[in-house]
């Protein structure tokens, strides 16, 4: 199992709306996340900084999962909605918004 951690920022006026949306994620989006192979998914927020953590089976790339999710129209709509509240993180690869984080310690 691979652990994936990444960060992105919210716009300064987007915190309340982002929290509201994530208090009731659309069921179709939750189902698509599960079908894509994402497990143990969490998003944490400190002010405008978001930290996301999820697990993927070995051999599955984050880019593959992203493509699977965006194939679903409801996920594409959801992503457009939440991305409108975010600001791309400096250093994110290839035009991505979320910046991957390097794991430096893990205790199993």
C-alpha atoms as a PDB file:
ATOM      1  CA  UNK A   1       0.000   0.000   0.000  1.00  0.00           C
ATOM      2  CA  UNK A   2       1.342   3.427  -0.865  1.00  0.00           C
ATOM      3  CA  UNK A   3       0.523   6.498   1.207  1.00  0.00           C
ATOM      4  CA  UNK A   4      -0.048   9.785  -0.636  1.00  0.00           C
ATOM      5  CA  UNK A   5       0.122  13.193   1.056  1.00  0.00           C
ATOM      6  CA  UNK A   6      -0.207  16.581  -0.599  1.00  0.00           C
ATOM      7  CA  UNK A   7      -1.101  20.210   0.068  1.00  0.00           C
ATOM      8  CA  UNK A   8      -2.982  23.037  -1.619  1.00  0.00           C
ATOM      9  CA  UNK A   9      -4.230  26.441  -0.474  1.00  0.00           C
ATOM     10  CA  UNK A  10      -7.735  27.841  -0.353  1.00  0.00           C
ATOM     11  CA  UNK A  11      -8.524  31.370  -1.376  1.00  0.00           C
ATOM     12  CA  UNK A  12      -8.911  33.593   1.698  1.00  0.00           C
ATOM     13  CA  UNK A  13     -12.686  33.854   1.286  1.00  0.00           C
ATOM     14  CA  UNK A  14     -13.231  30.163   0.425  1.00  0.00           C
ATOM     15  CA  UNK A  15     -12.853  28.432   3.789  1.00  0.00           C
ATOM     16  CA  UNK A  16     -16.513  28.439   4.820  1.00  0.00           C
ATOM     17  CA  UNK A  17     -17.734  27.191   1.428  1.00  0.00           C
ATOM     18  CA  UNK A  18     -15.040  24.494   1.226  1.00  0.00           C
ATOM     19  CA  UNK A  19     -15.958  23.206   4.697  1.00  0.00           C
ATOM     20  CA  UNK A  20     -19.665  23.286   3.814  1.00  0.00           C
ATOM     21  CA  UNK A  21     -19.131  21.257   0.621  1.00  0.00           C
ATOM     22  CA  UNK A  22     -17.014  18.663   2.386  1.00  0.00           C
ATOM     23  CA  UNK A  23     -19.531  18.247   5.193  1.00  0.00           C
ATOM     24  CA  UNK A  24     -21.822  16.664   2.577  1.00  0.00           C
ATOM     25  CA  UNK A  25     -19.739  15.265  -0.292  1.00  0.00           C
ATOM     26  CA  UNK A  26     -21.990  14.064  -3.104  1.00  0.00           C
ATOM     27  CA  UNK A  27     -22.647  10.290  -2.866  1.00  0.00           C
ATOM     28  CA  UNK A  28     -21.670   9.834  -6.528  1.00  0.00           C
ATOM     29  CA  UNK A  29     -18.264  11.368  -5.787  1.00  0.00           C
ATOM     30  CA  UNK A  30     -17.732   9.138  -2.752  1.00  0.00           C
ATOM     31  CA  UNK A  31     -18.599   6.060  -4.820  1.00  0.00           C
ATOM     32  CA  UNK A  32     -16.256   7.128  -7.636  1.00  0.00           C
ATOM     33  CA  UNK A  33     -13.411   7.659  -5.142  1.00  0.00           C
ATOM     34  CA  UNK A  34     -13.892   4.109  -3.869  1.00  0.00           C
ATOM     35  CA  UNK A  35     -14.120   2.656  -7.401  1.00  0.00           C
ATOM     36  CA  UNK A  36     -10.895   4.463  -8.343  1.00  0.00           C
ATOM     37  CA  UNK A  37      -9.026   2.547  -5.630  1.00  0.00           C
ATOM     38  CA  UNK A  38      -8.556   5.331  -3.076  1.00  0.00           C
ATOM     39  CA  UNK A  39      -8.709   4.170   0.535  1.00  0.00           C
ATOM     40  CA  UNK A  40      -8.455   5.889   3.920  1.00  0.00           C
ATOM     41  CA  UNK A  41      -8.908   9.377   2.422  1.00  0.00           C
ATOM     42  CA  UNK A  42      -8.770  12.438   4.677  1.00  0.00           C
ATOM     43  CA  UNK A  43      -8.452  16.174   4.137  1.00  0.00           C
ATOM     44  CA  UNK A  44      -7.297  18.395   6.992  1.00  0.00           C
ATOM     45  CA  UNK A  45      -7.383  22.187   7.077  1.00  0.00           C
ATOM     46  CA  UNK A  46      -5.282  24.712   9.027  1.00  0.00           C
ATOM     47  CA  UNK A  47      -6.489  28.184   8.089  1.00  0.00           C
ATOM     48  CA  UNK A  48      -6.271  28.241   4.295  1.00  0.00           C
ATOM     49  CA  UNK A  49      -3.832  25.323   4.023  1.00  0.00           C
ATOM     50  CA  UNK A  50      -5.286  21.937   3.060  1.00  0.00           C
ATOM     51  CA  UNK A  51      -3.463  18.662   3.663  1.00  0.00           C
ATOM     52  CA  UNK A  52      -4.819  15.521   2.017  1.00  0.00           C
ATOM     53  CA  UNK A  53      -3.864  11.931   2.777  1.00  0.00           C
ATOM     54  CA  UNK A  54      -5.009   8.747   1.082  1.00  0.00           C
ATOM     55  CA  UNK A  55      -3.811   5.258   0.313  1.00  0.00           C
ATOM     56  CA  UNK A  56      -3.512   3.469  -3.023  1.00  0.00           C
ATOM     57  CA  UNK A  57      -2.631  -0.113  -3.827  1.00  0.00           C
ATOM     58  CA  UNK A  58       0.963  -0.568  -4.966  1.00  0.00           C
ATOM     59  CA  UNK A  59       1.366  -0.063  -8.695  1.00  0.00           C
ATOM     60  CA  UNK A  60      -1.473   2.463  -9.055  1.00  0.00           C
ATOM     61  CA  UNK A  61      -0.314   5.976  -9.979  1.00  0.00           C
ATOM     62  CA  UNK A  62      -2.046   9.117  -8.708  1.00  0.00           C
ATOM     63  CA  UNK A  63      -2.368  10.274 -12.332  1.00  0.00           C
ATOM     64  CA  UNK A  64      -4.303   7.079 -13.192  1.00  0.00           C
ATOM     65  CA  UNK A  65      -6.694   7.665 -10.303  1.00  0.00           C
ATOM     66  CA  UNK A  66      -7.198  11.287 -11.336  1.00  0.00           C
ATOM     67  CA  UNK A  67      -8.069  10.209 -14.883  1.00  0.00           C
ATOM     68  CA  UNK A  68     -10.556   7.616 -13.589  1.00  0.00           C
ATOM     69  CA  UNK A  69     -12.246  10.188 -11.386  1.00  0.00           C
ATOM     70  CA  UNK A  70     -12.480  12.826 -14.103  1.00  0.00           C
ATOM     71  CA  UNK A  71     -14.106  10.276 -16.426  1.00  0.00           C
ATOM     72  CA  UNK A  72     -17.183  10.506 -14.187  1.00  0.00           C
ATOM     73  CA  UNK A  73     -19.256  13.624 -14.986  1.00  0.00           C
ATOM     74  CA  UNK A  74     -20.254  14.199 -11.336  1.00  0.00           C
ATOM     75  CA  UNK A  75     -16.589  14.074 -10.274  1.00  0.00           C
ATOM     76  CA  UNK A  76     -15.644  16.512 -13.005  1.00  0.00           C
ATOM     77  CA  UNK A  77     -18.368  18.912 -11.766  1.00  0.00           C
ATOM     78  CA  UNK A  78     -17.224  18.458  -8.142  1.00  0.00           C
ATOM     79  CA  UNK A  79     -13.580  19.078  -9.075  1.00  0.00           C
ATOM     80  CA  UNK A  80     -14.464  22.256 -10.976  1.00  0.00           C
ATOM     81  CA  UNK A  81     -16.461  23.465  -7.974  1.00  0.00           C
ATOM     82  CA  UNK A  82     -13.811  22.829  -5.312  1.00  0.00           C
ATOM     83  CA  UNK A  83     -10.942  23.916  -7.554  1.00  0.00           C
ATOM     84  CA  UNK A  84     -12.640  27.296  -7.947  1.00  0.00           C
ATOM     85  CA  UNK A  85     -12.041  27.720  -4.195  1.00  0.00           C
ATOM     86  CA  UNK A  86      -8.370  26.673  -4.306  1.00  0.00           C
ATOM     87  CA  UNK A  87      -5.122  28.340  -5.308  1.00  0.00           C
ATOM     88  CA  UNK A  88      -2.400  26.252  -6.971  1.00  0.00           C
ATOM     89  CA  UNK A  89       0.436  25.368  -4.640  1.00  0.00           C
ATOM     90  CA  UNK A  90       3.868  26.690  -5.666  1.00  0.00           C
ATOM     91  CA  UNK A  91       6.030  23.867  -6.947  1.00  0.00           C
ATOM     92  CA  UNK A  92       3.156  21.570  -7.937  1.00  0.00           C
ATOM     93  CA  UNK A  93       4.292  19.449 -10.900  1.00  0.00           C
ATOM     94  CA  UNK A  94       3.008  19.844 -14.441  1.00  0.00           C
ATOM     95  CA  UNK A  95       0.342  22.444 -13.802  1.00  0.00           C
ATOM     96  CA  UNK A  96      -1.215  20.423 -10.959  1.00  0.00           C
ATOM     97  CA  UNK A  97      -2.753  22.306  -8.045  1.00  0.00           C
ATOM     98  CA  UNK A  98      -1.819  19.920  -5.236  1.00  0.00           C
ATOM     99  CA  UNK A  99       1.836  19.694  -4.216  1.00  0.00           C
ATOM    100  CA  UNK A 100       2.935  16.119  -3.401  1.00  0.00           C
ATOM    101  CA  UNK A 101       4.740  15.696  -0.098  1.00  0.00           C
ATOM    102  CA  UNK A 102       7.701  13.438   0.563  1.00  0.00           C
ATOM    103  CA  UNK A 103       7.230  10.925   3.352  1.00  0.00           C
ATOM    104  CA  UNK A 104      10.083  11.294   5.831  1.00  0.00           C
ATOM    105  CA  UNK A 105       8.793   9.074   8.655  1.00  0.00           C
ATOM    106  CA  UNK A 106       6.212   6.332   9.129  1.00  0.00           C
ATOM    107  CA  UNK A 107       5.582   4.044  12.095  1.00  0.00           C
ATOM    108  CA  UNK A 108       3.395   1.071  11.228  1.00  0.00           C
END
